[in-house]
Full PDB file with SEQRES, HELIX, SHEET, SSBOND, CRYST1, ORIGX, SCALE, CONECT and MASTER records, all heavy atoms in Angstrom:
SEQRES   1 A   35  LEU ALA LEU ARG HIS ARG ARG ASP LYS ILE VAL ALA ALA          
SEQRES   2 A   35  SER GLN GLY SER TYR ASP ALA LEU PHE ASP PRO THR LEU          
SEQRES   3 A   35  PRO GLY LEU GLY LEU ARG THR ARG LEU                          
HELIX    1 AA1 ARG A    4  ARG A    7  5                                   4    
HELIX    2 AA2 ASP A    8  LEU A   21  1                                  14    
HELIX    3 AA3 LEU A   31  ARG A   34  1                                   4    
CRYST1    1.000    1.000    1.000  90.00  90.00  90.00 P 1           1          
ORIGX1      1.000000  0.000000  0.000000        0.00000                         
ORIGX2      0.000000  1.000000  0.000000        0.00000                         
ORIGX3      0.000000  0.000000  1.000000        0.00000                         
SCALE1      1.000000  0.000000  0.000000        0.00000                         
SCALE2      0.000000  1.000000  0.000000        0.00000                         
SCALE3      0.000000  0.000000  1.000000        0.00000                         
ATOM      1  N   LEU A   1      39.325 -33.102   3.302  1.00  0.00           N  
ATOM      2  CA  LEU A   1      37.928 -33.341   2.907  1.00  0.00           C  
ATOM      3  C   LEU A   1      37.027 -33.344   4.134  1.00  0.00           C  
ATOM      4  O   LEU A   1      35.974 -32.685   4.161  1.00  0.00           O  
ATOM      5  CB  LEU A   1      37.814 -34.667   2.157  1.00  0.00           C  
ATOM      6  CG  LEU A   1      36.406 -35.068   1.708  1.00  0.00           C  
ATOM      7  CD1 LEU A   1      35.865 -34.100   0.667  1.00  0.00           C  
ATOM      8  CD2 LEU A   1      36.407 -36.497   1.160  1.00  0.00           C  
ATOM      9  N   ALA A   2      37.432 -34.078   5.169  1.00  0.00           N  
ATOM     10  CA  ALA A   2      36.627 -34.135   6.394  1.00  0.00           C  
ATOM     11  C   ALA A   2      36.535 -32.764   7.046  1.00  0.00           C  
ATOM     12  O   ALA A   2      35.475 -32.368   7.559  1.00  0.00           O  
ATOM     13  CB  ALA A   2      37.233 -35.154   7.357  1.00  0.00           C  
ATOM     14  N   LEU A   3      37.645 -32.036   7.030  1.00  0.00           N  
ATOM     15  CA  LEU A   3      37.660 -30.698   7.616  1.00  0.00           C  
ATOM     16  C   LEU A   3      36.678 -29.787   6.887  1.00  0.00           C  
ATOM     17  O   LEU A   3      35.897 -29.054   7.516  1.00  0.00           O  
ATOM     18  CB  LEU A   3      39.077 -30.121   7.527  1.00  0.00           C  
ATOM     19  CG  LEU A   3      39.305 -28.735   8.124  1.00  0.00           C  
ATOM     20  CD1 LEU A   3      39.099 -28.767   9.624  1.00  0.00           C  
ATOM     21  CD2 LEU A   3      40.710 -28.244   7.772  1.00  0.00           C  
ATOM     22  N   ARG A   4      36.694 -29.820   5.572  1.00  0.00           N  
ATOM     23  CA  ARG A   4      35.785 -28.970   4.805  1.00  0.00           C  
ATOM     24  C   ARG A   4      34.337 -29.309   5.113  1.00  0.00           C  
ATOM     25  O   ARG A   4      33.482 -28.418   5.254  1.00  0.00           O  
ATOM     26  CB  ARG A   4      36.056 -29.110   3.305  1.00  0.00           C  
ATOM     27  CG  ARG A   4      35.126 -28.231   2.474  1.00  0.00           C  
ATOM     28  CD  ARG A   4      35.489 -28.145   1.005  1.00  0.00           C  
ATOM     29  NE  ARG A   4      34.646 -27.125   0.400  1.00  0.00           N  
ATOM     30  CZ  ARG A   4      33.724 -27.350  -0.539  1.00  0.00           C  
ATOM     31  NH1 ARG A   4      33.565 -28.559  -1.035  1.00  0.00           N  
ATOM     32  NH2 ARG A   4      32.990 -26.365  -1.008  1.00  0.00           N  
ATOM     33  N   HIS A   5      34.032 -30.584   5.244  1.00  0.00           N  
ATOM     34  CA  HIS A   5      32.640 -30.998   5.437  1.00  0.00           C  
ATOM     35  C   HIS A   5      32.178 -30.878   6.876  1.00  0.00           C  
ATOM     36  O   HIS A   5      31.006 -31.153   7.163  1.00  0.00           O  
ATOM     37  CB  HIS A   5      32.429 -32.399   4.864  1.00  0.00           C  
ATOM     38  CG  HIS A   5      32.353 -32.393   3.371  1.00  0.00           C  
ATOM     39  ND1 HIS A   5      31.160 -32.330   2.678  1.00  0.00           N  
ATOM     40  CD2 HIS A   5      33.337 -32.373   2.425  1.00  0.00           C  
ATOM     41  CE1 HIS A   5      31.404 -32.303   1.379  1.00  0.00           C  
ATOM     42  NE2 HIS A   5      32.719 -32.328   1.205  1.00  0.00           N  
ATOM     43  N   ARG A   6      33.044 -30.437   7.766  1.00  0.00           N  
ATOM     44  CA  ARG A   6      32.577 -30.050   9.096  1.00  0.00           C  
ATOM     45  C   ARG A   6      31.691 -28.820   9.002  1.00  0.00           C  
ATOM     46  O   ARG A   6      30.858 -28.584   9.878  1.00  0.00           O  
ATOM     47  CB  ARG A   6      33.770 -29.764  10.019  1.00  0.00           C  
ATOM     48  CG  ARG A   6      34.506 -31.009  10.474  1.00  0.00           C  
ATOM     49  CD  ARG A   6      35.769 -30.676  11.239  1.00  0.00           C  
ATOM     50  NE  ARG A   6      35.522 -29.881  12.431  1.00  0.00           N  
ATOM     51  CZ  ARG A   6      36.466 -29.450  13.251  1.00  0.00           C  
ATOM     52  NH1 ARG A   6      37.738 -29.711  13.001  1.00  0.00           N  
ATOM     53  NH2 ARG A   6      36.156 -28.744  14.315  1.00  0.00           N  
ATOM     54  N   ARG A   7      31.879 -28.021   7.987  1.00  0.00           N  
ATOM     55  CA  ARG A   7      31.013 -26.874   7.707  1.00  0.00           C  
ATOM     56  C   ARG A   7      30.137 -27.224   6.509  1.00  0.00           C  
ATOM     57  O   ARG A   7      30.195 -26.600   5.447  1.00  0.00           O  
ATOM     58  CB  ARG A   7      31.853 -25.627   7.396  1.00  0.00           C  
ATOM     59  CG  ARG A   7      32.794 -25.166   8.501  1.00  0.00           C  
ATOM     60  CD  ARG A   7      32.062 -24.572   9.670  1.00  0.00           C  
ATOM     61  NE  ARG A   7      32.923 -23.765  10.521  1.00  0.00           N  
ATOM     62  CZ  ARG A   7      32.637 -23.484  11.779  1.00  0.00           C  
ATOM     63  NH1 ARG A   7      31.509 -23.965  12.335  1.00  0.00           N  
ATOM     64  NH2 ARG A   7      33.447 -22.732  12.505  1.00  0.00           N  
ATOM     65  N   ASP A   8      29.300 -28.250   6.663  1.00  0.00           N  
ATOM     66  CA  ASP A   8      28.565 -28.784   5.512  1.00  0.00           C  
ATOM     67  C   ASP A   8      27.561 -27.785   4.940  1.00  0.00           C  
ATOM     68  O   ASP A   8      27.221 -27.854   3.758  1.00  0.00           O  
ATOM     69  CB  ASP A   8      27.859 -30.083   5.892  1.00  0.00           C  
ATOM     70  CG  ASP A   8      28.280 -31.243   5.000  1.00  0.00           C  
ATOM     71  OD1 ASP A   8      29.103 -31.022   4.089  1.00  0.00           O  
ATOM     72  OD2 ASP A   8      27.789 -32.361   5.205  1.00  0.00           O  
ATOM     73  N   LYS A   9      27.084 -26.878   5.775  1.00  0.00           N  
ATOM     74  CA  LYS A   9      26.145 -25.879   5.254  1.00  0.00           C  
ATOM     75  C   LYS A   9      26.830 -24.981   4.234  1.00  0.00           C  
ATOM     76  O   LYS A   9      26.227 -24.596   3.223  1.00  0.00           O  
ATOM     77  CB  LYS A   9      25.574 -25.051   6.406  1.00  0.00           C  
ATOM     78  CG  LYS A   9      24.451 -24.115   5.986  1.00  0.00           C  
ATOM     79  CD  LYS A   9      23.817 -23.413   7.175  1.00  0.00           C  
ATOM     80  CE  LYS A   9      22.915 -24.346   7.951  1.00  0.00           C  
ATOM     81  NZ  LYS A   9      22.134 -23.600   8.977  1.00  0.00           N  
ATOM     82  N   ILE A  10      28.107 -24.640   4.474  1.00  0.00           N  
ATOM     83  CA  ILE A  10      28.859 -23.844   3.497  1.00  0.00           C  
ATOM     84  C   ILE A  10      29.048 -24.637   2.212  1.00  0.00           C  
ATOM     85  O   ILE A  10      28.871 -24.112   1.109  1.00  0.00           O  
ATOM     86  CB  ILE A  10      30.224 -23.429   4.072  1.00  0.00           C  
ATOM     87  CG1 ILE A  10      30.041 -22.554   5.306  1.00  0.00           C  
ATOM     88  CG2 ILE A  10      31.052 -22.699   3.014  1.00  0.00           C  
ATOM     89  CD1 ILE A  10      31.349 -22.241   6.029  1.00  0.00           C  
ATOM     90  N   VAL A  11      29.411 -25.908   2.355  1.00  0.00           N  
ATOM     91  CA  VAL A  11      29.621 -26.767   1.187  1.00  0.00           C  
ATOM     92  C   VAL A  11      28.350 -26.841   0.348  1.00  0.00           C  
ATOM     93  O   VAL A  11      28.373 -26.631  -0.874  1.00  0.00           O  
ATOM     94  CB  VAL A  11      30.068 -28.177   1.625  1.00  0.00           C  
ATOM     95  CG1 VAL A  11      30.150 -29.116   0.421  1.00  0.00           C  
ATOM     96  CG2 VAL A  11      31.408 -28.118   2.357  1.00  0.00           C  
ATOM     97  N   ALA A  12      27.218 -27.114   1.006  1.00  0.00           N  
ATOM     98  CA  ALA A  12      25.959 -27.306   0.282  1.00  0.00           C  
ATOM     99  C   ALA A  12      25.502 -26.023  -0.404  1.00  0.00           C  
ATOM    100  O   ALA A  12      25.068 -26.036  -1.563  1.00  0.00           O  
ATOM    101  CB  ALA A  12      24.883 -27.808   1.238  1.00  0.00           C  
ATOM    102  N   ALA A  13      25.612 -24.884   0.298  1.00  0.00           N  
ATOM    103  CA  ALA A  13      25.135 -23.637  -0.287  1.00  0.00           C  
ATOM    104  C   ALA A  13      26.092 -23.099  -1.346  1.00  0.00           C  
ATOM    105  O   ALA A  13      25.659 -22.411  -2.273  1.00  0.00           O  
ATOM    106  CB  ALA A  13      24.914 -22.593   0.810  1.00  0.00           C  
ATOM    107  N   SER A  14      27.386 -23.418  -1.245  1.00  0.00           N  
ATOM    108  CA  SER A  14      28.320 -23.045  -2.317  1.00  0.00           C  
ATOM    109  C   SER A  14      27.963 -23.790  -3.597  1.00  0.00           C  
ATOM    110  O   SER A  14      27.910 -23.202  -4.688  1.00  0.00           O  
ATOM    111  CB  SER A  14      29.767 -23.370  -1.912  1.00  0.00           C  
ATOM    112  OG  SER A  14      30.156 -22.640  -0.781  1.00  0.00           O  
ATOM    113  N   GLN A  15      27.697 -25.096  -3.470  1.00  0.00           N  
ATOM    114  CA  GLN A  15      27.275 -25.872  -4.630  1.00  0.00           C  
ATOM    115  C   GLN A  15      25.898 -25.408  -5.110  1.00  0.00           C  
ATOM    116  O   GLN A  15      25.639 -25.340  -6.314  1.00  0.00           O  
ATOM    117  CB  GLN A  15      27.240 -27.364  -4.295  1.00  0.00           C  
ATOM    118  CG  GLN A  15      26.846 -28.264  -5.469  1.00  0.00           C  
ATOM    119  CD  GLN A  15      27.853 -28.232  -6.610  1.00  0.00           C  
ATOM    120  OE1 GLN A  15      29.049 -28.052  -6.378  1.00  0.00           O  
ATOM    121  NE2 GLN A  15      27.375 -28.389  -7.836  1.00  0.00           N  
ATOM    122  N   GLY A  16      25.022 -25.062  -4.163  1.00  0.00           N  
ATOM    123  CA  GLY A  16      23.701 -24.549  -4.531  1.00  0.00           C  
ATOM    124  C   GLY A  16      23.797 -23.245  -5.311  1.00  0.00           C  
ATOM    125  O   GLY A  16      23.021 -23.011  -6.248  1.00  0.00           O  
ATOM    126  N   SER A  17      24.760 -22.395  -4.951  1.00  0.00           N  
ATOM    127  CA  SER A  17      24.968 -21.148  -5.690  1.00  0.00           C  
ATOM    128  C   SER A  17      25.412 -21.442  -7.121  1.00  0.00           C  
ATOM    129  O   SER A  17      24.934 -20.816  -8.081  1.00  0.00           O  
ATOM    130  CB  SER A  17      26.025 -20.296  -4.986  1.00  0.00           C  
ATOM    131  OG  SER A  17      25.577 -19.897  -3.704  1.00  0.00           O  
ATOM    132  N   TYR A  18      26.339 -22.388  -7.259  1.00  0.00           N  
ATOM    133  CA  TYR A  18      26.802 -22.797  -8.588  1.00  0.00           C  
ATOM    134  C   TYR A  18      25.617 -23.318  -9.419  1.00  0.00           C  
ATOM    135  O   TYR A  18      25.439 -22.923 -10.584  1.00  0.00           O  
ATOM    136  CB  TYR A  18      27.864 -23.880  -8.443  1.00  0.00           C  
ATOM    137  CG  TYR A  18      28.311 -24.527  -9.728  1.00  0.00           C  
ATOM    138  CD1 TYR A  18      29.315 -23.965 -10.507  1.00  0.00           C  
ATOM    139  CD2 TYR A  18      27.731 -25.722 -10.168  1.00  0.00           C  
ATOM    140  CE1 TYR A  18      29.728 -24.564 -11.687  1.00  0.00           C  
ATOM    141  CE2 TYR A  18      28.138 -26.325 -11.343  1.00  0.00           C  
ATOM    142  CZ  TYR A  18      29.138 -25.743 -12.105  1.00  0.00           C  
ATOM    143  OH  TYR A  18      29.533 -26.343 -13.276  1.00  0.00           O  
ATOM    144  N   ASP A  19      24.813 -24.183  -8.829  1.00  0.00           N  
ATOM    145  CA  ASP A  19      23.671 -24.749  -9.555  1.00  0.00           C  
ATOM    146  C   ASP A  19      22.682 -23.675  -9.976  1.00  0.00           C  
ATOM    147  O   ASP A  19      22.133 -23.714 -11.083  1.00  0.00           O  
ATOM    148  CB  ASP A  19      22.971 -25.799  -8.687  1.00  0.00           C  
ATOM    149  CG  ASP A  19      23.839 -27.018  -8.405  1.00  0.00           C  
ATOM    150  OD1 ASP A  19      24.799 -27.262  -9.167  1.00  0.00           O  
ATOM    151  OD2 ASP A  19      23.572 -27.721  -7.410  1.00  0.00           O  
ATOM    152  N   ALA A  20      22.439 -22.695  -9.092  1.00  0.00           N  
ATOM    153  CA  ALA A  20      21.487 -21.634  -9.407  1.00  0.00           C  
ATOM    154  C   ALA A  20      22.015 -20.713 -10.502  1.00  0.00           C  
ATOM    155  O   ALA A  20      21.283 -20.335 -11.426  1.00  0.00           O  
ATOM    156  CB  ALA A  20      21.178 -20.822  -8.147  1.00  0.00           C  
ATOM    157  N   LEU A  21      23.286 -20.360 -10.423  1.00  0.00           N  
ATOM    158  CA  LEU A  21      23.868 -19.423 -11.382  1.00  0.00           C  
ATOM    159  C   LEU A  21      24.036 -20.027 -12.773  1.00  0.00           C  
ATOM    160  O   LEU A  21      24.026 -19.295 -13.772  1.00  0.00           O  
ATOM    161  CB  LEU A  21      25.218 -18.925 -10.864  1.00  0.00           C  
ATOM    162  CG  LEU A  21      25.120 -17.891  -9.739  1.00  0.00           C  
ATOM    163  CD1 LEU A  21      26.416 -17.827  -8.948  1.00  0.00           C  
ATOM    164  CD2 LEU A  21      24.772 -16.515 -10.313  1.00  0.00           C  
ATOM    165  N   PHE A  22      24.182 -21.337 -12.840  1.00  0.00           N  
ATOM    166  CA  PHE A  22      24.377 -21.988 -14.146  1.00  0.00           C  
ATOM    167  C   PHE A  22      23.186 -22.879 -14.513  1.00  0.00           C  
ATOM    168  O   PHE A  22      23.315 -23.785 -15.321  1.00  0.00           O  
ATOM    169  CB  PHE A  22      25.692 -22.760 -14.149  1.00  0.00           C  
ATOM    170  CG  PHE A  22      26.880 -21.856 -13.991  1.00  0.00           C  
ATOM    171  CD1 PHE A  22      27.504 -21.730 -12.768  1.00  0.00           C  
ATOM    172  CD2 PHE A  22      27.335 -21.083 -15.051  1.00  0.00           C  
ATOM    173  CE1 PHE A  22      28.577 -20.863 -12.598  1.00  0.00           C  
ATOM    174  CE2 PHE A  22      28.398 -20.212 -14.891  1.00  0.00           C  
ATOM    175  CZ  PHE A  22      29.024 -20.100 -13.660  1.00  0.00           C  
ATOM    176  N   ASP A  23      22.033 -22.565 -13.951  1.00  0.00           N  
ATOM    177  CA  ASP A  23      20.793 -23.242 -14.318  1.00  0.00           C  
ATOM    178  C   ASP A  23      20.458 -22.890 -15.772  1.00  0.00           C  
ATOM    179  O   ASP A  23      20.310 -21.706 -16.105  1.00  0.00           O  
ATOM    180  CB  ASP A  23      19.681 -22.773 -13.375  1.00  0.00           C  
ATOM    181  CG  ASP A  23      18.346 -23.442 -13.659  1.00  0.00           C  
ATOM    182  OD1 ASP A  23      18.192 -24.105 -14.712  1.00  0.00           O  
ATOM    183  OD2 ASP A  23      17.434 -23.287 -12.830  1.00  0.00           O  
ATOM    184  N   PRO A  24      20.348 -23.873 -16.660  1.00  0.00           N  
ATOM    185  CA  PRO A  24      20.059 -23.567 -18.074  1.00  0.00           C  
ATOM    186  C   PRO A  24      18.744 -22.836 -18.271  1.00  0.00           C  
ATOM    187  O   PRO A  24      18.573 -22.136 -19.277  1.00  0.00           O  
ATOM    188  CB  PRO A  24      20.024 -24.954 -18.738  1.00  0.00           C  
ATOM    189  CG  PRO A  24      20.808 -25.840 -17.832  1.00  0.00           C  
ATOM    190  CD  PRO A  24      20.562 -25.315 -16.441  1.00  0.00           C  
ATOM    191  N   THR A  25      17.809 -22.976 -17.319  1.00  0.00           N  
ATOM    192  CA  THR A  25      16.494 -22.344 -17.488  1.00  0.00           C  
ATOM    193  C   THR A  25      16.448 -20.934 -16.929  1.00  0.00           C  
ATOM    194  O   THR A  25      15.418 -20.266 -17.048  1.00  0.00           O  
ATOM    195  CB  THR A  25      15.400 -23.190 -16.806  1.00  0.00           C  
ATOM    196  OG1 THR A  25      15.594 -23.165 -15.378  1.00  0.00           O  
ATOM    197  CG2 THR A  25      15.430 -24.631 -17.296  1.00  0.00           C  
ATOM    198  N   LEU A  26      17.545 -20.451 -16.341  1.00  0.00           N  
ATOM    199  CA  LEU A  26      17.548 -19.102 -15.772  1.00  0.00           C  
ATOM    200  C   LEU A  26      17.403 -18.088 -16.905  1.00  0.00           C  
ATOM    201  O   LEU A  26      18.236 -18.041 -17.812  1.00  0.00           O  
ATOM    202  CB  LEU A  26      18.857 -18.868 -15.011  1.00  0.00           C  
ATOM    203  CG  LEU A  26      18.980 -17.551 -14.246  1.00  0.00           C  
ATOM    204  CD1 LEU A  26      18.014 -17.517 -13.066  1.00  0.00           C  
ATOM    205  CD2 LEU A  26      20.413 -17.364 -13.748  1.00  0.00           C  
ATOM    206  N   PRO A  27      16.375 -17.232 -16.864  1.00  0.00           N  
ATOM    207  CA  PRO A  27      16.176 -16.284 -17.978  1.00  0.00           C  
ATOM    208  C   PRO A  27      17.061 -15.056 -17.840  1.00  0.00           C  
ATOM    209  O   PRO A  27      17.624 -14.776 -16.777  1.00  0.00           O  
ATOM    210  CB  PRO A  27      14.701 -15.906 -17.831  1.00  0.00           C  
ATOM    211  CG  PRO A  27      14.434 -16.037 -16.356  1.00  0.00           C  
ATOM    212  CD  PRO A  27      15.303 -17.166 -15.862  1.00  0.00           C  
ATOM    213  N   GLY A  28      17.199 -14.321 -18.955  1.00  0.00           N  
ATOM    214  CA  GLY A  28      17.810 -13.003 -18.912  1.00  0.00           C  
ATOM    215  C   GLY A  28      19.235 -12.926 -19.388  1.00  0.00           C  
ATOM    216  O   GLY A  28      19.650 -11.904 -19.931  1.00  0.00           O  
ATOM    217  N   LEU A  29      20.008 -13.968 -19.183  1.00  0.00           N  
ATOM    218  CA  LEU A  29      21.403 -13.980 -19.620  1.00  0.00           C  
ATOM    219  C   LEU A  29      21.716 -15.402 -20.055  1.00  0.00           C  
ATOM    220  O   LEU A  29      21.605 -16.346 -19.258  1.00  0.00           O  
ATOM    221  CB  LEU A  29      22.327 -13.560 -18.471  1.00  0.00           C  
ATOM    222  CG  LEU A  29      23.788 -13.248 -18.833  1.00  0.00           C  
ATOM    223  CD1 LEU A  29      23.883 -12.027 -19.742  1.00  0.00           C  
ATOM    224  CD2 LEU A  29      24.616 -13.022 -17.579  1.00  0.00           C  
ATOM    225  N   GLY A  30      22.081 -15.571 -21.316  1.00  0.00           N  
ATOM    226  CA  GLY A  30      22.267 -16.903 -21.869  1.00  0.00           C  
ATOM    227  C   GLY A  30      23.339 -17.698 -21.146  1.00  0.00           C  
ATOM    228  O   GLY A  30      24.316 -17.144 -20.632  1.00  0.00           O  
ATOM    229  N   LEU A  31      23.184 -19.018 -21.138  1.00  0.00           N  
ATOM    230  CA  LEU A  31      24.141 -19.872 -20.440  1.00  0.00           C  
ATOM    231  C   LEU A  31      25.525 -19.774 -21.072  1.00  0.00           C  
ATOM    232  O   LEU A  31      26.537 -19.815 -20.371  1.00  0.00           O  
ATOM    233  CB  LEU A  31      23.649 -21.328 -20.435  1.00  0.00           C  
ATOM    234  CG  LEU A  31      24.525 -22.335 -19.674  1.00  0.00           C  
ATOM    235  CD1 LEU A  31      24.793 -21.894 -18.244  1.00  0.00           C  
ATOM    236  CD2 LEU A  31      23.889 -23.723 -19.709  1.00  0.00           C  
ATOM    237  N   ARG A  32      25.603 -19.633 -22.370  1.00  0.00           N  
ATOM    238  CA  ARG A  32      26.931 -19.492 -22.997  1.00  0.00           C  
ATOM    239  C   ARG A  32      27.641 -18.250 -22.466  1.00  0.00           C  
ATOM    240  O   ARG A  32      28.825 -18.289 -22.142  1.00  0.00           O  
ATOM    241  CB  ARG A  32      26.809 -19.445 -24.522  1.00  0.00           C  
ATOM    242  CG  ARG A  32      28.162 -19.183 -25.223  1.00  0.00           C  
ATOM    243  CD  ARG A  32      28.075 -19.339 -26.724  1.00  0.00           C  
ATOM    244  NE  ARG A  32      27.865 -20.735 -27.099  1.00  0.00           N  
ATOM    245  CZ  ARG A  32      28.817 -21.646 -27.158  1.00  0.00           C  
ATOM    246  NH1 ARG A  32      30.069 -21.316 -26.843  1.00  0.00           N  
ATOM    247  NH2 ARG A  32      28.554 -22.880 -27.517  1.00  0.00           N  
ATOM    248  N   THR A  33      26.914 -17.140 -22.392  1.00  0.00           N  
ATOM    249  CA  THR A  33      27.526 -15.915 -21.866  1.00  0.00           C  
ATOM    250  C   THR A  33      27.967 -16.106 -20.424  1.00  0.00           C  
ATOM    251  O   THR A  33      29.062 -15.679 -20.030  1.00  0.00           O  
ATOM    252  CB  THR A  33      26.554 -14.732 -21.965  1.00  0.00           C  
ATOM    253  OG1 THR A  33      26.165 -14.557 -23.330  1.00  0.00           O  
ATOM    254  CG2 THR A  33      27.170 -13.453 -21.445  1.00  0.00           C  
ATOM    255  N   ARG A  34      27.123 -16.742 -19.617  1.00  0.00           N  
ATOM    256  CA  ARG A  34      27.483 -16.981 -18.211  1.00  0.00           C  
ATOM    257  C   ARG A  34      28.764 -17.810 -18.111  1.00  0.00           C  
ATOM    258  O   ARG A  34      29.643 -17.519 -17.292  1.00  0.00           O  
ATOM    259  CB  ARG A  34      26.329 -17.664 -17.488  1.00  0.00           C  
ATOM    260  CG  ARG A  34      25.192 -16.725 -17.092  1.00  0.00           C  
ATOM    261  CD  ARG A  34      24.055 -17.471 -16.435  1.00  0.00           C  
ATOM    262  NE  ARG A  34      23.056 -17.918 -17.382  1.00  0.00           N  
ATOM    263  CZ  ARG A  34      22.235 -18.946 -17.206  1.00  0.00           C  
ATOM    264  NH1 ARG A  34      22.328 -19.689 -16.115  1.00  0.00           N  
ATOM    265  NH2 ARG A  34      21.339 -19.254 -18.115  1.00  0.00           N  
ATOM    266  N   LEU A  35      28.880 -18.833 -18.922  1.00  0.00           N  
ATOM    267  CA  LEU A  35      30.078 -19.680 -18.886  1.00  0.00           C  
ATOM    268  C   LEU A  35      31.298 -18.932 -19.421  1.00  0.00           C  
ATOM    269  O   LEU A  35      32.414 -19.097 -18.903  1.00  0.00           O  
ATOM    270  CB  LEU A  35      29.839 -20.953 -19.688  1.00  0.00           C  
ATOM    271  CG  LEU A  35      28.833 -21.931 -19.064  1.00  0.00           C  
ATOM    272  CD1 LEU A  35      28.459 -23.026 -20.059  1.00  0.00           C  
ATOM    273  CD2 LEU A  35      29.394 -22.555 -17.780  1.00  0.00           C  
TER     274      LEU A  35                                                      
MASTER        0    0    0    3    0    0    0    6  273    1    0    3          
END                                                                             
């Protein structure tokens, strides 16, 4: 865990990518289809 968080920018932006891709308000492709 500590080793992974030494690269905290990667951790934060990986989670940020997940949040952006599965944002319920993202238009164009339904959340059910994305999941």
